[in-house]
Structure formats: C-alpha cells, structure tokens
C-alpha cells in the first residue's frame, strides 16, 4: 500500500477547484451579429453567446481552446492582450465552432486522429479560413495563421490541404 503523504505531512489539498468564469459578451462584443457566427449557431447565436462563459489563464504560452467538460472558452490572457488582432479574432471564430461541436455532442479531443487529420479541427479551420478570406487576408497570411506550435512544416502542408487552402 502506498504511503498517504497527505496525512503524514498534515496538509490538505482541495482538488476539485472550479475555474472562474466570465461572460463571453463582457470581452467579445458584436460577435453575435457576424455572418460567420450566425452560420455556426443560426438563429441561436445571440442566446448562445449570452450564455457562453470564458476562463482566462495567465501564461505566455498557449492561445485558446474549448473545454471538453462544459464547452466554455479557455483563453490565454497574454494571447488576448498581445496577439495580433486578426489572429485573436480568427481564434475566437475557430473556438466558437468548437463550442457548437461540443453543443452537438461531438468529442473535441479524439485520440484516434492526429491534429491535422481530425474532422473536428478540419471543420473548425474550414470555417475560420472562410472568414479569413472574407475579411481579405491573403492566402499566405492565412497559411501562417494555420501554423501552430505543435505541428511541423509537413503537417502544416497537410492541414492547409485538408482545409482547402
């Protein structure tokens, strides 16, 4: 039997801490009116965004993600503050697509797929690329947007191909 260090050290660690969540619309205004967001949520866009919560974390690493527990957004406050506007904007669109996927009961992190081949990521990136093209970003800048820390150049090419870029 393993020793119980908690008892031995006379300390207690509460391990079920809940994240502090904030209303999405306190930080992201006007998104409910965007065609890209209306394509994702349809007529429910305003209601979904009004109910959506955001959790911020303090780190120089990381960008945004969607909780696979309850579908709230998780955002690096450093990325929010220092990221290029277009990148942060497209990240929000991308993550809102994941929120919809979560709402539809889809598994966001399916280990059967590599990131660049994941149907979840491909669908979200296609919506994001469509929005990037709509706002006038050049293809090379969009491809640069697709470049994330956890994929190499070959995988970037695969992702770009998978999303029709």
N, C-alpha and C. Protein backbone atom coordinates (compact mmCIF):
# COMPACT_ATOMS: atom_id res chain seq x y z
N UNK A 1 0.84 -1.18 0.00
CA UNK A 1 0.00 0.00 0.00
C UNK A 1 0.88 1.25 0.00
N UNK A 2 0.52 2.23 -0.81
CA UNK A 2 1.29 3.47 -0.90
C UNK A 2 1.10 4.30 0.37
N UNK A 3 2.17 4.98 0.80
CA UNK A 3 2.02 5.84 1.98
C UNK A 3 1.11 7.03 1.67
N UNK A 4 0.35 7.45 2.63
CA UNK A 4 -0.54 8.60 2.49
C UNK A 4 0.22 9.84 2.96
N UNK A 5 0.87 10.50 2.01
CA UNK A 5 1.67 11.67 2.35
C UNK A 5 0.82 12.83 2.85
N UNK A 6 -0.40 12.91 2.40
CA UNK A 6 -1.28 14.00 2.85
C UNK A 6 -1.43 13.92 4.38
N UNK A 7 -1.71 12.73 4.85
CA UNK A 7 -1.86 12.54 6.30
C UNK A 7 -0.53 12.75 7.02
N UNK A 8 0.52 12.17 6.46
CA UNK A 8 1.85 12.23 7.06
C UNK A 8 2.36 13.67 7.15
N UNK A 9 2.08 14.46 6.12
CA UNK A 9 2.56 15.86 6.09
C UNK A 9 1.63 16.81 6.80
N UNK A 10 0.46 16.32 7.18
CA UNK A 10 -0.53 17.13 7.88
C UNK A 10 -0.96 18.35 7.05
N UNK A 11 -1.20 18.10 5.75
CA UNK A 11 -1.72 19.13 4.86
C UNK A 11 -2.91 18.57 4.10
N UNK A 12 -3.73 19.46 3.61
CA UNK A 12 -4.87 19.08 2.80
C UNK A 12 -4.83 19.90 1.52
N UNK A 13 -5.08 19.24 0.40
CA UNK A 13 -5.17 19.93 -0.89
C UNK A 13 -6.56 19.68 -1.44
N UNK A 14 -7.34 20.72 -1.57
CA UNK A 14 -8.66 20.60 -2.18
C UNK A 14 -8.45 20.51 -3.68
N UNK A 15 -8.86 19.42 -4.28
CA UNK A 15 -8.50 19.15 -5.67
C UNK A 15 -9.64 19.30 -6.65
N UNK A 16 -10.76 19.82 -6.21
CA UNK A 16 -11.89 19.99 -7.13
C UNK A 16 -12.25 21.46 -7.33
N UNK A 17 -11.24 22.30 -7.46
CA UNK A 17 -11.45 23.73 -7.65
C UNK A 17 -12.14 24.00 -8.99
N UNK A 18 -13.09 24.86 -8.97
CA UNK A 18 -13.80 25.25 -10.18
C UNK A 18 -13.10 26.47 -10.80
N UNK A 19 -13.05 26.55 -12.12
CA UNK A 19 -12.45 27.73 -12.74
C UNK A 19 -13.35 28.95 -12.54
N UNK A 20 -12.74 30.12 -12.57
CA UNK A 20 -13.51 31.36 -12.52
C UNK A 20 -13.93 31.68 -13.95
N UNK A 21 -15.23 31.81 -14.15
CA UNK A 21 -15.76 32.02 -15.49
C UNK A 21 -16.39 33.41 -15.60
N UNK A 22 -16.20 34.01 -16.77
CA UNK A 22 -16.74 35.34 -17.05
C UNK A 22 -17.64 35.26 -18.28
N UNK A 23 -18.60 36.17 -18.39
CA UNK A 23 -19.45 36.19 -19.59
C UNK A 23 -18.63 36.51 -20.84
N UNK A 24 -18.82 35.72 -21.87
CA UNK A 24 -18.16 35.93 -23.16
C UNK A 24 -18.39 37.36 -23.65
N UNK A 25 -19.63 37.83 -23.54
CA UNK A 25 -20.01 39.14 -24.10
C UNK A 25 -19.41 40.31 -23.33
N UNK A 26 -18.82 40.07 -22.17
CA UNK A 26 -18.10 41.15 -21.48
C UNK A 26 -16.79 41.47 -22.18
N UNK A 27 -16.26 40.51 -22.91
CA UNK A 27 -14.95 40.68 -23.54
C UNK A 27 -15.00 40.68 -25.06
N UNK A 28 -16.04 40.11 -25.64
CA UNK A 28 -16.15 39.98 -27.09
C UNK A 28 -17.51 40.52 -27.51
N UNK A 29 -17.51 41.72 -28.01
CA UNK A 29 -18.76 42.40 -28.34
C UNK A 29 -19.01 42.39 -29.84
N UNK A 30 -20.26 42.20 -30.22
CA UNK A 30 -20.66 42.26 -31.62
C UNK A 30 -20.54 40.95 -32.38
N UNK A 31 -19.99 39.93 -31.77
CA UNK A 31 -19.80 38.65 -32.46
C UNK A 31 -21.13 38.01 -32.85
N UNK A 32 -22.16 38.25 -32.06
CA UNK A 32 -23.47 37.65 -32.34
C UNK A 32 -24.06 38.17 -33.65
N UNK A 33 -23.54 39.28 -34.16
CA UNK A 33 -24.05 39.88 -35.40
C UNK A 33 -23.27 39.43 -36.63
N UNK A 34 -22.15 38.76 -36.43
CA UNK A 34 -21.30 38.35 -37.56
C UNK A 34 -21.93 37.21 -38.34
N UNK A 35 -21.86 37.30 -39.66
CA UNK A 35 -22.35 36.20 -40.50
C UNK A 35 -21.66 34.89 -40.17
N UNK A 36 -20.35 34.95 -39.91
CA UNK A 36 -19.60 33.72 -39.60
C UNK A 36 -20.15 33.04 -38.34
N UNK A 37 -20.53 33.82 -37.35
CA UNK A 37 -21.06 33.27 -36.11
C UNK A 37 -22.50 32.81 -36.31
N UNK A 38 -23.25 33.53 -37.12
CA UNK A 38 -24.63 33.12 -37.42
C UNK A 38 -24.64 31.82 -38.23
N UNK A 39 -23.62 31.61 -39.06
CA UNK A 39 -23.50 30.34 -39.79
C UNK A 39 -23.26 29.18 -38.82
N UNK A 40 -22.54 29.46 -37.76
CA UNK A 40 -22.24 28.42 -36.77
C UNK A 40 -23.47 28.09 -35.93
N UNK A 41 -24.12 29.11 -35.39
CA UNK A 41 -25.20 28.91 -34.41
C UNK A 41 -26.60 29.19 -34.94
N UNK A 42 -26.70 29.68 -36.17
CA UNK A 42 -28.02 30.01 -36.71
C UNK A 42 -28.70 31.09 -35.90
N UNK A 43 -30.00 30.98 -35.74
CA UNK A 43 -30.78 31.97 -35.02
C UNK A 43 -30.51 31.97 -33.52
N UNK A 44 -29.74 31.01 -33.04
CA UNK A 44 -29.43 30.92 -31.61
C UNK A 44 -28.16 31.68 -31.24
N UNK A 45 -27.52 32.35 -32.20
CA UNK A 45 -26.22 32.99 -31.95
C UNK A 45 -26.25 33.92 -30.74
N UNK A 46 -27.22 34.80 -30.69
CA UNK A 46 -27.28 35.76 -29.59
C UNK A 46 -27.44 35.06 -28.25
N UNK A 47 -28.33 34.10 -28.19
CA UNK A 47 -28.58 33.35 -26.95
C UNK A 47 -27.34 32.56 -26.52
N UNK A 48 -26.72 31.85 -27.45
CA UNK A 48 -25.54 31.04 -27.13
C UNK A 48 -24.43 31.92 -26.59
N UNK A 49 -24.15 33.03 -27.27
CA UNK A 49 -23.05 33.89 -26.83
C UNK A 49 -23.38 34.57 -25.50
N UNK A 50 -24.65 34.88 -25.26
CA UNK A 50 -25.05 35.49 -23.99
C UNK A 50 -24.83 34.51 -22.83
N UNK A 51 -24.93 33.22 -23.11
CA UNK A 51 -24.76 32.20 -22.07
C UNK A 51 -23.34 31.64 -21.99
N UNK A 52 -22.54 31.90 -23.02
CA UNK A 52 -21.19 31.34 -23.09
C UNK A 52 -20.29 32.00 -22.04
N UNK A 53 -19.44 31.18 -21.43
CA UNK A 53 -18.50 31.66 -20.41
C UNK A 53 -17.07 31.54 -20.93
N UNK A 54 -16.20 32.36 -20.34
CA UNK A 54 -14.79 32.41 -20.72
C UNK A 54 -13.95 32.29 -19.45
N UNK A 55 -12.92 31.48 -19.55
CA UNK A 55 -11.94 31.34 -18.47
C UNK A 55 -10.61 31.86 -19.00
N UNK A 56 -9.94 32.70 -18.23
CA UNK A 56 -8.65 33.24 -18.64
C UNK A 56 -7.55 32.60 -17.80
N UNK A 57 -6.42 32.34 -18.43
CA UNK A 57 -5.27 31.84 -17.68
C UNK A 57 -4.07 32.71 -18.03
N UNK A 58 -3.16 32.83 -17.09
CA UNK A 58 -2.01 33.70 -17.26
C UNK A 58 -0.80 32.88 -17.68
N UNK A 59 -0.43 33.03 -18.94
CA UNK A 59 0.74 32.31 -19.45
C UNK A 59 1.16 32.95 -20.76
N UNK A 60 2.44 32.94 -21.00
CA UNK A 60 2.95 33.42 -22.28
C UNK A 60 2.79 32.36 -23.37
N UNK A 61 2.49 31.13 -22.95
CA UNK A 61 2.30 30.03 -23.89
C UNK A 61 0.83 29.68 -23.93
N UNK A 62 0.40 29.32 -25.08
CA UNK A 62 -1.00 28.93 -25.23
C UNK A 62 -1.80 30.01 -25.92
N UNK A 63 -2.91 29.62 -26.44
CA UNK A 63 -3.75 30.53 -27.20
C UNK A 63 -5.17 30.46 -26.66
N UNK A 64 -6.00 29.68 -27.32
CA UNK A 64 -7.38 29.49 -26.90
C UNK A 64 -7.75 28.04 -27.10
N UNK A 65 -8.72 27.60 -26.33
CA UNK A 65 -9.27 26.27 -26.52
C UNK A 65 -10.70 26.26 -25.99
N UNK A 66 -11.35 25.14 -26.18
CA UNK A 66 -12.71 24.96 -25.70
C UNK A 66 -12.71 23.80 -24.72
N UNK A 67 -13.32 24.01 -23.58
CA UNK A 67 -13.39 22.97 -22.56
C UNK A 67 -14.20 21.79 -23.09
N UNK A 68 -13.64 20.60 -22.93
CA UNK A 68 -14.38 19.41 -23.32
C UNK A 68 -15.24 18.90 -22.16
N UNK A 69 -15.29 19.66 -21.07
CA UNK A 69 -16.13 19.32 -19.92
C UNK A 69 -17.48 20.01 -20.03
N UNK A 70 -17.45 21.33 -20.31
CA UNK A 70 -18.71 22.08 -20.37
C UNK A 70 -18.82 23.05 -21.55
N UNK A 71 -17.82 23.08 -22.41
CA UNK A 71 -17.90 23.89 -23.62
C UNK A 71 -17.56 25.35 -23.46
N UNK A 72 -17.02 25.77 -22.31
CA UNK A 72 -16.64 27.18 -22.17
C UNK A 72 -15.28 27.41 -22.85
N UNK A 73 -14.98 28.68 -23.15
CA UNK A 73 -13.72 29.02 -23.78
C UNK A 73 -12.63 29.20 -22.73
N UNK A 74 -11.43 28.79 -23.08
CA UNK A 74 -10.26 28.93 -22.22
C UNK A 74 -9.24 29.75 -23.01
N UNK A 75 -8.86 30.90 -22.47
CA UNK A 75 -8.07 31.85 -23.26
C UNK A 75 -6.86 32.34 -22.47
N UNK A 76 -5.71 32.33 -23.12
CA UNK A 76 -4.52 32.93 -22.54
C UNK A 76 -4.69 34.44 -22.50
N UNK A 77 -4.60 35.03 -21.31
CA UNK A 77 -4.74 36.48 -21.21
C UNK A 77 -3.58 37.18 -21.93
N UNK A 78 -2.42 36.53 -21.98
CA UNK A 78 -1.28 37.09 -22.72
C UNK A 78 -1.60 37.13 -24.22
N UNK A 79 -2.15 36.03 -24.75
CA UNK A 79 -2.51 35.98 -26.17
C UNK A 79 -3.59 37.02 -26.48
N UNK A 80 -4.57 37.13 -25.59
CA UNK A 80 -5.64 38.11 -25.78
C UNK A 80 -5.08 39.52 -25.86
N UNK A 81 -4.11 39.83 -25.00
CA UNK A 81 -3.56 41.18 -24.92
C UNK A 81 -2.52 41.46 -26.01
N UNK A 82 -1.67 40.48 -26.30
CA UNK A 82 -0.52 40.71 -27.19
C UNK A 82 -0.68 40.16 -28.60
N UNK A 83 -1.63 39.27 -28.81
CA UNK A 83 -1.80 38.67 -30.12
C UNK A 83 -2.26 39.69 -31.15
N UNK A 84 -1.87 39.47 -32.39
CA UNK A 84 -2.33 40.31 -33.49
C UNK A 84 -3.86 40.24 -33.56
N UNK A 85 -4.53 41.37 -33.77
CA UNK A 85 -5.98 41.42 -33.74
C UNK A 85 -6.61 40.34 -34.62
N UNK A 86 -6.15 40.22 -35.86
CA UNK A 86 -6.74 39.25 -36.79
C UNK A 86 -6.59 37.82 -36.29
N UNK A 87 -5.47 37.52 -35.65
CA UNK A 87 -5.24 36.18 -35.12
C UNK A 87 -6.20 35.89 -33.97
N UNK A 88 -6.33 36.84 -33.04
CA UNK A 88 -7.25 36.65 -31.92
C UNK A 88 -8.68 36.53 -32.44
N UNK A 89 -9.05 37.38 -33.40
CA UNK A 89 -10.39 37.33 -33.99
C UNK A 89 -10.66 35.95 -34.61
N UNK A 90 -9.72 35.47 -35.42
CA UNK A 90 -9.90 34.16 -36.06
C UNK A 90 -9.89 33.03 -35.04
N UNK A 91 -9.09 33.17 -34.00
CA UNK A 91 -9.10 32.16 -32.93
C UNK A 91 -10.48 32.07 -32.28
N UNK A 92 -11.11 33.22 -32.07
CA UNK A 92 -12.45 33.22 -31.47
C UNK A 92 -13.43 32.50 -32.39
N UNK A 93 -13.38 32.80 -33.69
CA UNK A 93 -14.26 32.14 -34.65
C UNK A 93 -14.02 30.63 -34.61
N UNK A 94 -12.75 30.23 -34.62
CA UNK A 94 -12.38 28.82 -34.58
C UNK A 94 -12.94 28.15 -33.32
N UNK A 95 -12.74 28.77 -32.19
CA UNK A 95 -13.20 28.17 -30.93
C UNK A 95 -14.72 28.18 -30.82
N UNK A 96 -15.38 29.18 -31.37
CA UNK A 96 -16.84 29.16 -31.37
C UNK A 96 -17.37 27.98 -32.17
N UNK A 97 -16.66 27.62 -33.23
CA UNK A 97 -17.04 26.42 -33.99
C UNK A 97 -16.93 25.19 -33.09
N UNK A 98 -15.87 25.13 -32.28
CA UNK A 98 -15.72 24.02 -31.34
C UNK A 98 -16.82 24.03 -30.28
N UNK A 99 -17.24 25.22 -29.85
CA UNK A 99 -18.34 25.31 -28.89
C UNK A 99 -19.59 24.65 -29.50
N UNK A 100 -19.87 24.95 -30.76
CA UNK A 100 -21.03 24.35 -31.43
C UNK A 100 -20.87 22.84 -31.54
N UNK A 101 -19.67 22.39 -31.87
CA UNK A 101 -19.43 20.96 -31.95
C UNK A 101 -19.69 20.30 -30.58
N UNK A 102 -19.23 20.94 -29.52
CA UNK A 102 -19.47 20.44 -28.18
C UNK A 102 -20.97 20.38 -27.89
N UNK A 103 -21.68 21.45 -28.24
CA UNK A 103 -23.13 21.51 -28.02
C UNK A 103 -23.84 20.38 -28.76
N UNK A 104 -23.29 19.99 -29.90
CA UNK A 104 -23.87 18.92 -30.71
C UNK A 104 -23.47 17.52 -30.22
N UNK A 105 -22.71 17.48 -29.12
CA UNK A 105 -22.32 16.19 -28.56
C UNK A 105 -21.09 15.56 -29.19
N UNK A 106 -20.36 16.33 -29.97
CA UNK A 106 -19.16 15.80 -30.62
C UNK A 106 -18.00 15.72 -29.62
N UNK A 107 -17.11 14.78 -29.82
CA UNK A 107 -15.91 14.64 -28.98
C UNK A 107 -14.85 15.58 -29.54
N UNK A 108 -14.42 16.54 -28.72
CA UNK A 108 -13.47 17.55 -29.21
C UNK A 108 -12.04 17.02 -29.31
N UNK A 109 -11.65 16.15 -28.41
CA UNK A 109 -10.28 15.64 -28.41
C UNK A 109 -10.33 14.13 -28.60
N UNK A 110 -10.30 13.71 -29.85
CA UNK A 110 -10.40 12.30 -30.19
C UNK A 110 -9.01 11.78 -30.53
N UNK A 111 -8.46 10.96 -29.66
CA UNK A 111 -7.08 10.49 -29.82
C UNK A 111 -6.89 9.56 -31.02
N UNK A 112 -7.96 9.17 -31.67
CA UNK A 112 -7.82 8.33 -32.87
C UNK A 112 -7.25 9.12 -34.04
N UNK A 113 -7.30 10.45 -33.95
CA UNK A 113 -6.85 11.30 -35.06
C UNK A 113 -5.67 12.16 -34.65
N UNK A 114 -4.77 12.32 -35.59
CA UNK A 114 -3.71 13.31 -35.42
C UNK A 114 -4.35 14.69 -35.66
N UNK A 115 -3.84 15.71 -35.02
CA UNK A 115 -4.42 17.06 -35.08
C UNK A 115 -4.80 17.49 -36.49
N UNK A 116 -3.90 17.34 -37.44
CA UNK A 116 -4.14 17.86 -38.80
C UNK A 116 -5.14 17.03 -39.59
N UNK A 117 -5.47 15.84 -39.09
CA UNK A 117 -6.44 14.96 -39.75
C UNK A 117 -7.76 14.85 -38.98
N UNK A 118 -7.85 15.53 -37.86
CA UNK A 118 -9.03 15.45 -37.02
C UNK A 118 -10.22 16.12 -37.71
N UNK A 119 -11.32 15.39 -37.90
CA UNK A 119 -12.51 16.01 -38.51
C UNK A 119 -12.97 17.25 -37.73
N UNK A 120 -12.84 17.22 -36.41
CA UNK A 120 -13.22 18.35 -35.57
C UNK A 120 -12.40 19.59 -35.95
N UNK A 121 -11.09 19.42 -36.07
CA UNK A 121 -10.21 20.55 -36.40
C UNK A 121 -10.40 21.00 -37.84
N UNK A 122 -10.52 20.04 -38.75
CA UNK A 122 -10.69 20.40 -40.16
C UNK A 122 -11.95 21.24 -40.36
N UNK A 123 -13.06 20.83 -39.76
CA UNK A 123 -14.31 21.60 -39.88
C UNK A 123 -14.15 23.01 -39.31
N UNK A 124 -13.54 23.09 -38.12
CA UNK A 124 -13.36 24.40 -37.47
C UNK A 124 -12.42 25.29 -38.29
N UNK A 125 -11.34 24.71 -38.80
CA UNK A 125 -10.41 25.50 -39.61
C UNK A 125 -11.03 25.93 -40.94
N UNK A 126 -11.87 25.08 -41.53
CA UNK A 126 -12.53 25.48 -42.78
C UNK A 126 -13.39 26.73 -42.55
N UNK A 127 -14.13 26.75 -41.47
CA UNK A 127 -14.96 27.92 -41.14
C UNK A 127 -14.07 29.14 -40.89
N UNK A 128 -12.95 28.91 -40.24
CA UNK A 128 -12.02 30.01 -39.93
C UNK A 128 -11.36 30.53 -41.20
N UNK A 129 -10.95 29.63 -42.07
CA UNK A 129 -10.33 30.04 -43.34
C UNK A 129 -11.34 30.81 -44.19
N UNK A 130 -12.58 30.36 -44.22
CA UNK A 130 -13.62 31.09 -44.96
C UNK A 130 -13.74 32.52 -44.43
N UNK A 131 -13.71 32.67 -43.12
CA UNK A 131 -13.82 34.01 -42.53
C UNK A 131 -12.57 34.83 -42.81
N UNK A 132 -11.41 34.20 -42.78
CA UNK A 132 -10.16 34.90 -43.08
C UNK A 132 -10.18 35.43 -44.53
N UNK A 133 -10.66 34.61 -45.45
CA UNK A 133 -10.77 35.05 -46.84
C UNK A 133 -11.79 36.18 -46.98
N UNK A 134 -12.91 36.06 -46.25
CA UNK A 134 -13.95 37.09 -46.31
C UNK A 134 -13.44 38.45 -45.83
N UNK A 135 -12.60 38.46 -44.80
CA UNK A 135 -12.09 39.74 -44.30
C UNK A 135 -10.88 40.23 -45.09
N UNK A 136 -10.48 39.46 -46.11
CA UNK A 136 -9.45 39.93 -47.02
C UNK A 136 -8.02 39.55 -46.68
N UNK A 137 -7.82 38.57 -45.83
CA UNK A 137 -6.44 38.15 -45.54
C UNK A 137 -5.88 37.40 -46.74
N UNK A 138 -4.65 37.69 -47.11
CA UNK A 138 -4.02 36.94 -48.20
C UNK A 138 -3.78 35.48 -47.81
N UNK A 139 -3.78 34.60 -48.81
CA UNK A 139 -3.62 33.16 -48.56
C UNK A 139 -2.36 32.85 -47.75
N UNK A 140 -1.27 33.53 -48.04
CA UNK A 140 -0.02 33.27 -47.30
C UNK A 140 -0.17 33.63 -45.83
N UNK A 141 -0.89 34.70 -45.54
CA UNK A 141 -1.13 35.08 -44.15
C UNK A 141 -2.05 34.07 -43.46
N UNK A 142 -2.99 33.54 -44.20
CA UNK A 142 -3.89 32.52 -43.65
C UNK A 142 -3.09 31.25 -43.36
N UNK A 143 -2.20 30.89 -44.26
CA UNK A 143 -1.37 29.71 -44.04
C UNK A 143 -0.49 29.91 -42.81
N UNK A 144 0.01 31.12 -42.64
CA UNK A 144 0.80 31.44 -41.45
C UNK A 144 -0.05 31.29 -40.18
N UNK A 145 -1.32 31.68 -40.28
CA UNK A 145 -2.25 31.53 -39.17
C UNK A 145 -2.41 30.05 -38.78
N UNK A 146 -2.41 29.17 -39.77
CA UNK A 146 -2.58 27.74 -39.51
C UNK A 146 -1.38 27.12 -38.79
N UNK A 147 -0.25 27.82 -38.83
CA UNK A 147 0.98 27.30 -38.24
C UNK A 147 0.87 27.41 -36.72
N UNK A 148 0.78 26.27 -36.06
CA UNK A 148 0.72 26.23 -34.60
C UNK A 148 1.94 25.48 -34.07
N UNK A 149 2.26 25.71 -32.82
CA UNK A 149 3.49 25.19 -32.23
C UNK A 149 3.60 23.67 -32.24
N UNK A 150 2.48 22.97 -32.27
CA UNK A 150 2.51 21.52 -32.09
C UNK A 150 2.49 20.74 -33.41
N UNK A 151 2.65 21.44 -34.54
CA UNK A 151 2.77 20.73 -35.82
C UNK A 151 4.02 21.20 -36.55
N UNK A 152 4.58 20.31 -37.36
CA UNK A 152 5.77 20.67 -38.14
C UNK A 152 5.36 21.14 -39.54
N UNK A 153 6.32 21.46 -40.36
CA UNK A 153 6.05 22.00 -41.70
C UNK A 153 5.26 21.03 -42.58
N UNK A 154 5.60 19.76 -42.52
CA UNK A 154 4.87 18.76 -43.31
C UNK A 154 3.42 18.66 -42.86
N UNK A 155 3.21 18.70 -41.56
CA UNK A 155 1.85 18.66 -41.02
C UNK A 155 1.08 19.93 -41.37
N UNK A 156 1.79 21.05 -41.41
CA UNK A 156 1.16 22.31 -41.83
C UNK A 156 0.64 22.17 -43.26
N UNK A 157 1.45 21.58 -44.12
CA UNK A 157 1.02 21.38 -45.51
C UNK A 157 -0.22 20.49 -45.57
N UNK A 158 -0.22 19.44 -44.75
CA UNK A 158 -1.38 18.54 -44.69
C UNK A 158 -2.63 19.29 -44.22
N UNK A 159 -2.48 20.09 -43.17
CA UNK A 159 -3.62 20.85 -42.65
C UNK A 159 -4.12 21.82 -43.70
N UNK A 160 -3.22 22.55 -44.34
CA UNK A 160 -3.63 23.50 -45.38
C UNK A 160 -4.39 22.80 -46.50
N UNK A 161 -3.90 21.65 -46.91
CA UNK A 161 -4.58 20.85 -47.94
C UNK A 161 -5.95 20.38 -47.45
N UNK A 162 -6.00 19.91 -46.21
CA UNK A 162 -7.25 19.40 -45.65
C UNK A 162 -8.36 20.46 -45.53
N UNK A 163 -7.94 21.71 -45.40
CA UNK A 163 -8.94 22.79 -45.28
C UNK A 163 -9.13 23.55 -46.59
N UNK A 164 -8.52 23.03 -47.66
CA UNK A 164 -8.73 23.61 -48.98
C UNK A 164 -7.96 24.89 -49.24
N UNK A 165 -6.82 25.03 -48.60
CA UNK A 165 -6.02 26.24 -48.79
C UNK A 165 -4.85 25.95 -49.71
